[in-house]
N, C-alpha and C. Protein backbone atom coordinates (compact mmCIF):
# COMPACT_ATOMS: atom_id res chain seq x y z
N MET A 1 158.22 78.99 41.48
CA MET A 1 158.24 77.93 42.47
C MET A 1 159.68 77.43 42.61
N PRO A 2 160.16 77.30 43.85
CA PRO A 2 161.53 76.82 44.05
C PRO A 2 161.70 75.39 43.52
N PHE A 3 162.91 75.11 43.10
CA PHE A 3 163.23 73.82 42.49
C PHE A 3 162.91 72.65 43.42
N PHE A 4 163.25 72.78 44.71
CA PHE A 4 163.04 71.65 45.62
C PHE A 4 161.56 71.31 45.78
N LEU A 5 160.66 72.30 45.65
CA LEU A 5 159.23 72.02 45.73
C LEU A 5 158.75 71.24 44.51
N ILE A 6 159.32 71.54 43.36
CA ILE A 6 158.99 70.78 42.15
C ILE A 6 159.45 69.33 42.34
N PHE A 7 160.65 69.14 42.90
CA PHE A 7 161.19 67.81 43.13
C PHE A 7 160.31 67.03 44.10
N VAL A 8 159.86 67.67 45.17
CA VAL A 8 159.00 67.01 46.15
C VAL A 8 157.68 66.62 45.51
N LYS A 9 157.11 67.52 44.72
CA LYS A 9 155.84 67.23 44.05
C LYS A 9 156.00 66.04 43.11
N THR A 10 157.10 66.00 42.39
CA THR A 10 157.35 64.89 41.48
C THR A 10 157.50 63.59 42.26
N LYS A 11 158.25 63.62 43.36
CA LYS A 11 158.43 62.42 44.18
C LYS A 11 157.08 61.94 44.73
N THR A 12 156.26 62.86 45.21
CA THR A 12 154.95 62.51 45.73
C THR A 12 154.08 61.92 44.64
N SER A 13 154.16 62.50 43.46
CA SER A 13 153.40 62.00 42.32
C SER A 13 153.80 60.57 41.97
N TYR A 14 155.11 60.30 41.97
CA TYR A 14 155.59 58.94 41.68
C TYR A 14 155.14 57.97 42.77
N MET A 15 155.20 58.41 44.02
CA MET A 15 154.78 57.55 45.12
C MET A 15 153.29 57.22 45.00
N TYR A 16 152.48 58.23 44.72
CA TYR A 16 151.05 58.02 44.56
C TYR A 16 150.76 57.05 43.43
N GLU A 17 151.42 57.25 42.29
CA GLU A 17 151.23 56.36 41.14
C GLU A 17 151.61 54.93 41.47
N PHE A 18 152.76 54.76 42.14
CA PHE A 18 153.23 53.42 42.51
C PHE A 18 152.23 52.74 43.44
N ILE A 19 151.79 53.45 44.47
CA ILE A 19 150.85 52.86 45.43
C ILE A 19 149.52 52.54 44.75
N GLN A 20 149.08 53.41 43.86
CA GLN A 20 147.82 53.16 43.15
C GLN A 20 147.92 51.91 42.27
N ARG A 21 149.02 51.78 41.56
CA ARG A 21 149.20 50.59 40.70
C ARG A 21 149.35 49.33 41.56
N PHE A 22 150.06 49.45 42.67
CA PHE A 22 150.24 48.30 43.56
C PHE A 22 148.90 47.88 44.15
N HIS A 23 148.08 48.85 44.54
CA HIS A 23 146.75 48.58 45.09
C HIS A 23 145.89 47.87 44.04
N SER A 24 145.94 48.34 42.81
CA SER A 24 145.17 47.71 41.74
C SER A 24 145.68 46.31 41.43
N GLY A 25 146.99 46.16 41.36
CA GLY A 25 147.58 44.85 41.06
C GLY A 25 147.35 43.84 42.16
N TRP A 26 147.53 44.26 43.40
CA TRP A 26 147.35 43.36 44.53
C TRP A 26 145.89 42.93 44.65
N ALA A 27 144.98 43.77 44.18
CA ALA A 27 143.55 43.45 44.25
C ALA A 27 143.25 42.15 43.50
N TYR A 28 143.91 41.93 42.37
CA TYR A 28 143.70 40.69 41.62
C TYR A 28 144.05 39.48 42.48
N LEU A 29 145.20 39.54 43.13
CA LEU A 29 145.64 38.43 43.98
C LEU A 29 144.71 38.27 45.19
N ALA A 30 144.38 39.37 45.83
CA ALA A 30 143.52 39.32 47.02
C ALA A 30 142.14 38.75 46.67
N LEU A 31 141.56 39.20 45.57
CA LEU A 31 140.25 38.69 45.17
C LEU A 31 140.32 37.22 44.77
N PHE A 32 141.40 36.84 44.09
CA PHE A 32 141.57 35.43 43.73
C PHE A 32 141.62 34.56 44.99
N LEU A 33 142.43 34.98 45.97
CA LEU A 33 142.53 34.21 47.21
C LEU A 33 141.19 34.14 47.94
N LEU A 34 140.46 35.23 47.91
CA LEU A 34 139.16 35.26 48.58
C LEU A 34 138.14 34.37 47.87
N VAL A 35 138.14 34.41 46.54
CA VAL A 35 137.23 33.55 45.77
C VAL A 35 137.56 32.08 46.03
N VAL A 36 138.85 31.74 46.04
CA VAL A 36 139.27 30.36 46.32
C VAL A 36 138.79 29.95 47.72
N ALA A 37 138.92 30.83 48.70
CA ALA A 37 138.48 30.51 50.06
C ALA A 37 136.97 30.29 50.12
N VAL A 38 136.21 31.12 49.43
CA VAL A 38 134.75 30.97 49.43
C VAL A 38 134.34 29.68 48.72
N VAL A 39 134.92 29.44 47.56
CA VAL A 39 134.59 28.21 46.81
C VAL A 39 134.98 26.98 47.62
N ASN A 40 136.16 27.00 48.23
CA ASN A 40 136.60 25.87 49.06
C ASN A 40 135.64 25.63 50.22
N SER A 41 135.19 26.69 50.86
CA SER A 41 134.28 26.52 52.00
C SER A 41 132.91 26.01 51.54
N LEU A 42 132.45 26.46 50.38
CA LEU A 42 131.17 25.97 49.85
C LEU A 42 131.27 24.49 49.48
N ILE A 43 132.37 24.11 48.84
CA ILE A 43 132.57 22.70 48.49
C ILE A 43 132.63 21.86 49.76
N GLY A 44 133.37 22.33 50.75
CA GLY A 44 133.47 21.59 52.01
C GLY A 44 132.13 21.47 52.72
N MET A 45 131.34 22.53 52.67
CA MET A 45 130.05 22.52 53.35
C MET A 45 129.08 21.56 52.65
N PHE A 46 129.00 21.64 51.32
CA PHE A 46 128.02 20.81 50.61
C PHE A 46 128.45 19.35 50.48
N SER A 47 129.75 19.09 50.47
CA SER A 47 130.21 17.70 50.36
C SER A 47 130.40 17.05 51.73
N LYS A 48 130.19 17.83 52.78
CA LYS A 48 130.30 17.34 54.16
C LYS A 48 131.67 16.72 54.45
N LYS A 49 132.71 17.32 53.90
CA LYS A 49 134.05 16.78 54.15
C LYS A 49 134.61 17.30 55.47
N GLU A 50 135.68 16.71 55.90
CA GLU A 50 136.33 17.07 57.16
C GLU A 50 137.14 18.35 56.97
N PHE A 51 137.07 19.25 57.94
CA PHE A 51 137.84 20.50 57.90
C PHE A 51 139.28 20.17 58.28
N THR A 52 140.21 20.46 57.38
CA THR A 52 141.62 20.11 57.59
C THR A 52 142.49 21.36 57.69
N ALA A 53 143.77 21.14 57.94
CA ALA A 53 144.72 22.25 58.00
C ALA A 53 144.81 22.96 56.65
N LYS A 54 144.63 22.23 55.56
CA LYS A 54 144.64 22.83 54.23
C LYS A 54 143.50 23.85 54.09
N ASP A 55 142.33 23.49 54.57
CA ASP A 55 141.17 24.40 54.51
C ASP A 55 141.41 25.65 55.35
N ARG A 56 142.02 25.46 56.51
CA ARG A 56 142.34 26.59 57.38
C ARG A 56 143.35 27.52 56.70
N LYS A 57 144.35 26.94 56.04
CA LYS A 57 145.37 27.75 55.37
C LYS A 57 144.78 28.51 54.19
N ILE A 58 143.89 27.89 53.45
CA ILE A 58 143.24 28.58 52.32
C ILE A 58 142.49 29.80 52.83
N ALA A 59 141.73 29.63 53.91
CA ALA A 59 140.99 30.76 54.49
C ALA A 59 141.95 31.81 55.05
N LEU A 60 143.04 31.36 55.65
CA LEU A 60 144.03 32.29 56.20
C LEU A 60 144.70 33.11 55.10
N PHE A 61 145.03 32.47 53.98
CA PHE A 61 145.63 33.22 52.86
C PHE A 61 144.66 34.27 52.33
N GLY A 62 143.37 33.92 52.27
CA GLY A 62 142.37 34.91 51.87
C GLY A 62 142.32 36.08 52.84
N LEU A 63 142.38 35.77 54.12
CA LEU A 63 142.36 36.81 55.16
C LEU A 63 143.60 37.71 55.06
N ILE A 64 144.77 37.11 54.92
CA ILE A 64 146.01 37.89 54.82
C ILE A 64 146.01 38.74 53.55
N GLY A 65 145.59 38.15 52.44
CA GLY A 65 145.56 38.89 51.18
C GLY A 65 144.66 40.11 51.24
N ILE A 66 143.49 39.95 51.84
CA ILE A 66 142.54 41.05 51.88
C ILE A 66 142.93 42.09 52.92
N HIS A 67 143.58 41.69 54.01
CA HIS A 67 144.08 42.66 54.99
C HIS A 67 145.25 43.46 54.41
N THR A 68 146.08 42.81 53.62
CA THR A 68 147.17 43.54 52.95
C THR A 68 146.59 44.56 51.99
N GLN A 69 145.53 44.17 51.27
CA GLN A 69 144.87 45.10 50.35
C GLN A 69 144.29 46.29 51.12
N LEU A 70 143.73 46.03 52.29
CA LEU A 70 143.20 47.12 53.13
C LEU A 70 144.31 48.08 53.53
N LEU A 71 145.44 47.55 53.96
CA LEU A 71 146.56 48.39 54.37
C LEU A 71 147.05 49.26 53.22
N ILE A 72 147.21 48.67 52.05
CA ILE A 72 147.65 49.43 50.87
C ILE A 72 146.59 50.48 50.53
N GLY A 73 145.32 50.10 50.60
CA GLY A 73 144.24 51.03 50.30
C GLY A 73 144.18 52.20 51.26
N LEU A 74 144.41 51.96 52.54
CA LEU A 74 144.41 53.06 53.51
C LEU A 74 145.57 54.03 53.26
N ILE A 75 146.73 53.47 52.94
CA ILE A 75 147.87 54.34 52.60
C ILE A 75 147.53 55.17 51.37
N LEU A 76 146.97 54.52 50.36
CA LEU A 76 146.60 55.22 49.13
C LEU A 76 145.56 56.31 49.41
N TYR A 77 144.62 56.02 50.26
CA TYR A 77 143.56 56.98 50.58
C TYR A 77 144.13 58.27 51.16
N PHE A 78 145.15 58.15 52.00
CA PHE A 78 145.69 59.33 52.65
C PHE A 78 146.70 60.09 51.80
N VAL A 79 147.25 59.47 50.76
CA VAL A 79 148.17 60.20 49.87
C VAL A 79 147.49 60.59 48.56
N SER A 80 146.26 60.16 48.36
CA SER A 80 145.55 60.38 47.11
C SER A 80 144.85 61.74 47.08
N PRO A 81 144.82 62.36 45.90
CA PRO A 81 144.02 63.58 45.76
C PRO A 81 142.52 63.27 45.75
N LEU A 82 142.15 62.00 45.61
CA LEU A 82 140.74 61.61 45.60
C LEU A 82 140.22 61.25 46.98
N GLY A 83 141.06 61.35 48.00
CA GLY A 83 140.66 60.98 49.35
C GLY A 83 139.83 62.05 50.02
N PHE A 84 140.40 62.65 51.07
CA PHE A 84 139.69 63.67 51.84
C PHE A 84 139.29 64.89 51.01
N ALA A 85 140.10 65.26 50.04
CA ALA A 85 139.88 66.49 49.29
C ALA A 85 138.55 66.49 48.54
N SER A 86 138.04 65.32 48.20
CA SER A 86 136.82 65.28 47.39
C SER A 86 135.55 65.11 48.22
N PHE A 87 135.63 65.25 49.53
CA PHE A 87 134.44 65.10 50.37
C PHE A 87 133.39 66.18 50.10
N GLY A 88 133.79 67.32 49.61
CA GLY A 88 132.83 68.38 49.33
C GLY A 88 132.08 68.19 48.04
N GLN A 89 132.42 67.17 47.27
CA GLN A 89 131.82 66.96 45.95
C GLN A 89 131.09 65.63 45.88
N MET A 90 130.21 65.39 46.81
CA MET A 90 129.51 64.10 46.88
C MET A 90 128.45 63.94 45.79
N SER A 91 128.12 65.00 45.07
CA SER A 91 127.14 64.87 43.99
C SER A 91 127.75 64.19 42.76
N ASP A 92 129.07 64.18 42.66
CA ASP A 92 129.76 63.50 41.56
C ASP A 92 129.87 62.01 41.91
N LYS A 93 129.21 61.15 41.12
CA LYS A 93 129.15 59.72 41.44
C LYS A 93 130.53 59.07 41.50
N ALA A 94 131.41 59.42 40.56
CA ALA A 94 132.74 58.81 40.51
C ALA A 94 133.57 59.19 41.73
N LEU A 95 133.52 60.47 42.11
CA LEU A 95 134.26 60.91 43.29
C LEU A 95 133.69 60.31 44.57
N ARG A 96 132.36 60.22 44.64
CA ARG A 96 131.73 59.63 45.82
C ARG A 96 132.12 58.16 45.96
N LEU A 97 132.20 57.46 44.83
CA LEU A 97 132.60 56.04 44.87
C LEU A 97 134.01 55.88 45.40
N THR A 98 134.96 56.67 44.88
CA THR A 98 136.36 56.49 45.29
C THR A 98 136.66 57.08 46.66
N SER A 99 135.97 58.13 47.05
CA SER A 99 136.32 58.77 48.32
C SER A 99 135.49 58.30 49.51
N LEU A 100 134.32 57.73 49.27
CA LEU A 100 133.46 57.34 50.39
C LEU A 100 132.98 55.89 50.30
N GLU A 101 132.28 55.55 49.21
CA GLU A 101 131.64 54.24 49.12
C GLU A 101 132.65 53.09 49.08
N HIS A 102 133.65 53.20 48.22
CA HIS A 102 134.65 52.12 48.08
C HIS A 102 135.36 51.85 49.41
N PRO A 103 135.93 52.86 50.06
CA PRO A 103 136.61 52.56 51.33
C PRO A 103 135.67 52.06 52.43
N LEU A 104 134.52 52.69 52.58
CA LEU A 104 133.60 52.34 53.67
C LEU A 104 133.04 50.93 53.51
N ILE A 105 132.52 50.62 52.34
CA ILE A 105 131.91 49.31 52.12
C ILE A 105 132.97 48.21 52.17
N ASN A 106 134.17 48.48 51.65
CA ASN A 106 135.22 47.47 51.68
C ASN A 106 135.72 47.22 53.11
N ILE A 107 135.77 48.25 53.92
CA ILE A 107 136.14 48.05 55.33
C ILE A 107 135.09 47.19 56.03
N ILE A 108 133.82 47.42 55.73
CA ILE A 108 132.76 46.59 56.30
C ILE A 108 132.91 45.14 55.82
N GLY A 109 133.19 44.96 54.53
CA GLY A 109 133.39 43.62 53.98
C GLY A 109 134.56 42.91 54.63
N ILE A 110 135.66 43.62 54.81
CA ILE A 110 136.85 43.04 55.44
C ILE A 110 136.57 42.73 56.91
N ALA A 111 135.78 43.56 57.57
CA ALA A 111 135.40 43.28 58.96
C ALA A 111 134.59 41.99 59.04
N LEU A 112 133.69 41.77 58.08
CA LEU A 112 132.92 40.52 58.06
C LEU A 112 133.83 39.31 57.86
N ILE A 113 134.80 39.44 56.98
CA ILE A 113 135.75 38.35 56.74
C ILE A 113 136.54 38.07 58.02
N THR A 114 136.96 39.12 58.70
CA THR A 114 137.71 38.96 59.95
C THR A 114 136.85 38.32 61.03
N ILE A 115 135.59 38.70 61.11
CA ILE A 115 134.67 38.09 62.07
C ILE A 115 134.51 36.60 61.76
N GLY A 116 134.39 36.27 60.48
CA GLY A 116 134.29 34.86 60.08
C GLY A 116 135.50 34.06 60.50
N TRP A 117 136.69 34.65 60.33
CA TRP A 117 137.92 33.97 60.75
C TRP A 117 137.92 33.75 62.27
N SER A 118 137.55 34.78 63.01
CA SER A 118 137.54 34.68 64.48
C SER A 118 136.51 33.67 64.98
N LYS A 119 135.34 33.67 64.37
CA LYS A 119 134.27 32.76 64.81
C LYS A 119 134.63 31.30 64.54
N HIS A 120 135.34 31.04 63.44
CA HIS A 120 135.64 29.64 63.10
C HIS A 120 136.54 28.98 64.14
N LYS A 121 137.36 29.80 64.83
CA LYS A 121 138.30 29.25 65.81
C LYS A 121 137.59 28.67 67.03
N LYS A 122 136.38 29.14 67.30
CA LYS A 122 135.63 28.68 68.47
C LYS A 122 134.74 27.48 68.14
N LEU A 123 134.60 27.17 66.86
CA LEU A 123 133.69 26.10 66.45
C LEU A 123 134.39 24.75 66.46
N VAL A 124 133.61 23.70 66.66
CA VAL A 124 134.17 22.36 66.79
C VAL A 124 133.95 21.52 65.53
N THR A 125 132.74 21.55 64.98
CA THR A 125 132.43 20.67 63.86
C THR A 125 132.90 21.26 62.53
N SER A 126 133.26 20.39 61.62
CA SER A 126 133.70 20.81 60.29
C SER A 126 132.59 21.54 59.55
N GLU A 127 131.38 21.02 59.66
CA GLU A 127 130.25 21.63 58.97
C GLU A 127 130.05 23.09 59.41
N SER A 128 130.14 23.35 60.71
CA SER A 128 129.94 24.71 61.20
C SER A 128 131.09 25.63 60.78
N LYS A 129 132.30 25.10 60.70
CA LYS A 129 133.43 25.92 60.24
C LYS A 129 133.26 26.30 58.78
N PHE A 130 132.93 25.32 57.93
CA PHE A 130 132.72 25.61 56.52
C PHE A 130 131.55 26.57 56.32
N LYS A 131 130.50 26.39 57.10
CA LYS A 131 129.32 27.26 56.99
C LYS A 131 129.67 28.69 57.39
N THR A 132 130.44 28.84 58.46
CA THR A 132 130.85 30.17 58.92
C THR A 132 131.69 30.87 57.86
N PHE A 133 132.67 30.15 57.30
CA PHE A 133 133.49 30.74 56.24
C PHE A 133 132.64 31.08 55.02
N SER A 134 131.73 30.19 54.65
CA SER A 134 130.89 30.45 53.47
C SER A 134 130.07 31.72 53.65
N ILE A 135 129.48 31.88 54.81
CA ILE A 135 128.62 33.04 55.05
C ILE A 135 129.43 34.33 55.16
N PHE A 136 130.40 34.37 56.06
CA PHE A 136 131.12 35.61 56.32
C PHE A 136 132.06 35.99 55.18
N TYR A 137 132.82 35.04 54.67
CA TYR A 137 133.71 35.33 53.55
C TYR A 137 132.89 35.65 52.30
N GLY A 138 131.78 34.93 52.12
CA GLY A 138 130.91 35.19 50.96
C GLY A 138 130.29 36.58 50.99
N LEU A 139 129.77 36.97 52.14
CA LEU A 139 129.20 38.32 52.27
C LEU A 139 130.27 39.39 52.10
N GLY A 140 131.44 39.16 52.69
CA GLY A 140 132.54 40.11 52.53
C GLY A 140 132.94 40.25 51.08
N LEU A 141 133.06 39.13 50.38
CA LEU A 141 133.42 39.16 48.96
C LEU A 141 132.36 39.90 48.15
N LEU A 142 131.10 39.64 48.45
CA LEU A 142 130.00 40.31 47.74
C LEU A 142 130.06 41.83 47.94
N LEU A 143 130.28 42.27 49.16
CA LEU A 143 130.39 43.71 49.43
C LEU A 143 131.58 44.32 48.70
N ILE A 144 132.71 43.63 48.74
CA ILE A 144 133.92 44.14 48.08
C ILE A 144 133.70 44.25 46.58
N LEU A 145 133.13 43.22 45.98
CA LEU A 145 132.88 43.25 44.53
C LEU A 145 131.89 44.34 44.14
N SER A 146 130.97 44.66 45.05
CA SER A 146 129.95 45.67 44.73
C SER A 146 130.52 47.09 44.67
N ARG A 147 131.66 47.33 45.28
CA ARG A 147 132.20 48.69 45.32
C ARG A 147 133.60 48.82 44.72
N ILE A 148 133.97 47.91 43.85
CA ILE A 148 135.22 48.09 43.10
C ILE A 148 134.95 49.11 42.00
N PRO A 149 135.81 50.11 41.86
CA PRO A 149 135.61 51.07 40.76
C PRO A 149 136.03 50.44 39.43
N TRP A 150 135.14 49.64 38.86
CA TRP A 150 135.46 48.84 37.67
C TRP A 150 135.94 49.70 36.51
N SER A 151 135.42 50.91 36.36
CA SER A 151 135.84 51.77 35.24
C SER A 151 137.30 52.18 35.35
N MET A 152 137.84 52.21 36.55
CA MET A 152 139.25 52.57 36.75
C MET A 152 140.16 51.35 36.67
N TRP A 153 139.57 50.17 36.71
CA TRP A 153 140.35 48.94 36.81
C TRP A 153 140.78 48.40 35.46
N PHE A 154 139.97 48.59 34.44
CA PHE A 154 140.29 48.01 33.14
C PHE A 154 140.64 49.08 32.13
């Protein structure tokens, strides 16, 4: 094998490793922001408090954090050997989780979070805004948590 091909393979390997670690590390921050947004919306809904700019920013940080995680995850999916290459091996539970279930379910969860953000902008009352965030962000968080490859995370 020519030397330059070895160098390219090594560079690709380092890039994949870096993106994978970044995706795993950023997940902690993204999930933390999302949990804070869900808890804040539940507290606001049950305590009947007024929806303020602080509440909007908390939800926005959750949205930005999870969209950044999606972007990193999509990049990782296309440079990963576990992405498209493992579609022929759906009988293996671990490969099916990383190549199909994790990306698909998380994209659905992030879509729900995005819908919740969009819907809140049209609402007038604080109660309806908190309720919308609680439902959509909560369902999105639940879907995301259900398809994290926990065995690879710890």
